[in-house]
Protein backbone atom coordinates (compact mmCIF):
# COMPACT_ATOMS: atom_id res chain seq x y z
CA UNK A 1 80.41 81.53 131.68
CA UNK A 2 79.98 85.55 133.67
CA UNK A 3 77.02 86.72 134.86
CA UNK A 4 77.42 89.37 134.06
CA UNK A 5 78.62 89.05 130.40
CA UNK A 6 75.20 87.09 130.50
CA UNK A 7 73.81 90.37 132.10
CA UNK A 8 74.91 92.65 129.24
CA UNK A 9 73.62 90.27 126.62
CA UNK A 10 70.32 90.98 128.06
CA UNK A 11 70.55 94.83 128.61
CA UNK A 12 71.40 95.39 125.16
CA UNK A 13 68.08 93.28 124.26
CA UNK A 14 66.03 95.64 126.58
CA UNK A 15 67.39 98.53 125.16
CA UNK A 16 66.74 97.66 121.51
CA UNK A 17 62.91 97.52 122.21
CA UNK A 18 63.11 100.38 124.29
CA UNK A 19 64.66 102.15 121.56
CA UNK A 20 62.24 100.54 118.68
CA UNK A 21 65.03 99.34 116.66
CA UNK A 22 64.40 96.13 116.63
CA UNK A 23 62.92 92.84 118.90
CA UNK A 24 64.52 91.77 121.52
CA UNK A 25 67.89 90.04 120.63
CA UNK A 26 71.32 91.20 122.26
CA UNK A 27 74.67 89.27 122.26
CA UNK A 28 77.87 89.73 122.63
CA UNK A 29 81.54 88.02 121.99
CA UNK A 30 84.13 88.56 124.80
CA UNK A 31 87.82 86.70 124.78
CA UNK A 32 89.22 86.77 128.40
CA UNK A 33 86.37 88.80 130.22
CA UNK A 34 86.51 91.69 127.96
CA UNK A 35 83.91 92.41 125.02
CA UNK A 36 85.28 92.62 121.58
CA UNK A 37 82.32 92.48 120.15
CA UNK A 38 78.94 93.25 120.56
CA UNK A 39 75.46 93.63 118.46
CA UNK A 40 71.49 93.91 118.65
CA UNK A 41 68.70 92.74 116.36
CA UNK A 42 69.19 95.59 113.16
CA UNK A 43 67.07 93.80 110.52
CA UNK A 44 64.20 96.63 110.10
CA UNK A 45 66.28 99.39 111.08
CA UNK A 46 68.90 98.33 108.41
CA UNK A 47 66.84 96.68 106.36
CA UNK A 48 69.27 93.77 106.23
CA UNK A 49 67.39 90.19 107.00
CA UNK A 50 71.23 89.13 108.37
CA UNK A 51 71.54 91.49 110.84
CA UNK A 52 70.47 89.36 113.83
CA UNK A 53 72.42 90.49 117.25
CA UNK A 54 74.69 87.13 116.89
CA UNK A 55 75.65 88.08 113.65
CA UNK A 56 76.75 91.22 114.34
CA UNK A 57 78.21 90.83 117.52
CA UNK A 58 80.58 87.89 115.35
CA UNK A 59 81.41 90.35 112.94
CA UNK A 60 82.55 93.39 114.87
CA UNK A 61 84.85 90.15 117.14
CA UNK A 62 86.09 88.91 113.44
CA UNK A 63 86.88 92.50 112.91
CA UNK A 64 88.55 93.38 116.27
CA UNK A 65 90.70 90.46 116.16
CA UNK A 66 91.06 90.45 112.13
CA UNK A 67 90.19 86.59 111.85
CA UNK A 68 86.92 84.68 111.33
CA UNK A 69 87.71 82.19 113.84
CA UNK A 70 86.51 83.15 117.72
CA UNK A 71 88.28 80.23 119.15
CA UNK A 72 89.38 81.62 122.68
CA UNK A 73 86.18 83.63 122.77
CA UNK A 74 82.76 83.42 124.47
CA UNK A 75 79.42 83.99 123.05
CA UNK A 76 76.85 85.05 125.36
CA UNK A 77 73.27 85.67 123.17
CA UNK A 78 69.68 86.37 124.75
CA UNK A 79 67.75 83.95 123.18
CA UNK A 80 68.17 81.03 121.54
CA UNK A 81 69.85 81.66 118.03
CA UNK A 82 68.20 81.00 114.74
CA UNK A 83 69.47 78.60 112.07
CA UNK A 84 71.25 81.42 110.12
CA UNK A 85 72.90 82.50 113.55
CA UNK A 86 73.93 78.86 114.79
CA UNK A 87 75.44 78.31 111.19
CA UNK A 88 77.48 81.42 111.85
CA UNK A 89 78.45 80.65 115.01
CA UNK A 90 79.49 76.90 113.92
CA UNK A 91 82.10 78.12 111.81
CA UNK A 92 82.85 81.43 113.87
CA UNK A 93 83.90 78.24 115.89
CA UNK A 94 83.70 80.09 119.91
CA UNK A 95 84.62 78.43 122.52
CA UNK A 96 81.29 78.29 124.07
CA UNK A 97 78.13 79.64 124.22
CA UNK A 98 75.51 80.74 126.50
CA UNK A 99 71.93 81.46 126.63
CA UNK A 100 69.77 82.73 129.37
CA UNK A 101 66.63 79.99 130.46
CA UNK A 102 63.46 81.47 128.52
CA UNK A 103 60.60 82.25 130.21
CA UNK A 104 57.34 79.68 129.44
CA UNK A 105 55.75 79.73 125.78
CA UNK A 106 52.84 81.74 126.42
CA UNK A 107 54.77 84.83 128.19
CA UNK A 108 57.30 84.52 125.17
CA UNK A 109 54.95 84.97 122.76
CA UNK A 110 53.83 87.61 124.25
CA UNK A 111 56.52 89.59 124.47
CA UNK A 112 57.36 88.80 120.77
CA UNK A 113 54.39 89.90 119.73
CA UNK A 114 54.89 93.49 121.42
CA UNK A 115 58.73 93.76 120.29
CA UNK A 116 57.76 92.58 116.67
CA UNK A 117 54.27 95.35 116.39
CA UNK A 118 56.33 98.18 118.35
CA UNK A 119 59.54 97.74 115.79
CA UNK A 120 57.13 97.59 112.49
CA UNK A 121 55.32 100.34 114.21
CA UNK A 122 58.64 102.29 114.50
CA UNK A 123 59.93 101.42 110.79
CA UNK A 124 56.83 102.39 109.11
CA UNK A 125 57.18 106.03 110.59
CA UNK A 126 61.12 106.35 109.99
CA UNK A 127 59.35 105.37 105.89
CA UNK A 128 56.90 107.55 106.06
CA UNK A 129 58.49 110.63 107.51
CA UNK A 130 60.91 110.67 104.57
């Protein structure tokens, strides 16, 4: 597993929050060290409850390879995948997956609360401007 690719997955998550597109979730799929699919959470931006970072990255990688099996690929996520994403990871069958160590729970809750509030406010502002 590559530290550079893990840093890229984390950078996707951070940029997603900075741009108010969604929560602090980023993921990528790499094959032989080359990124073939990446994504950040876009649930609120697209009104798609399945648009989690891992799902977006897996969709991109599967499209790039023309197959639903990612057996020679590695998945990098900026956090622990939810049950839906775990199911998609299971079906995609990547060779390996990696996530960073999570901060202690109080800091994680604070980060999630700030991110969720920022994302919801941005979504409300977009909806109000329509």
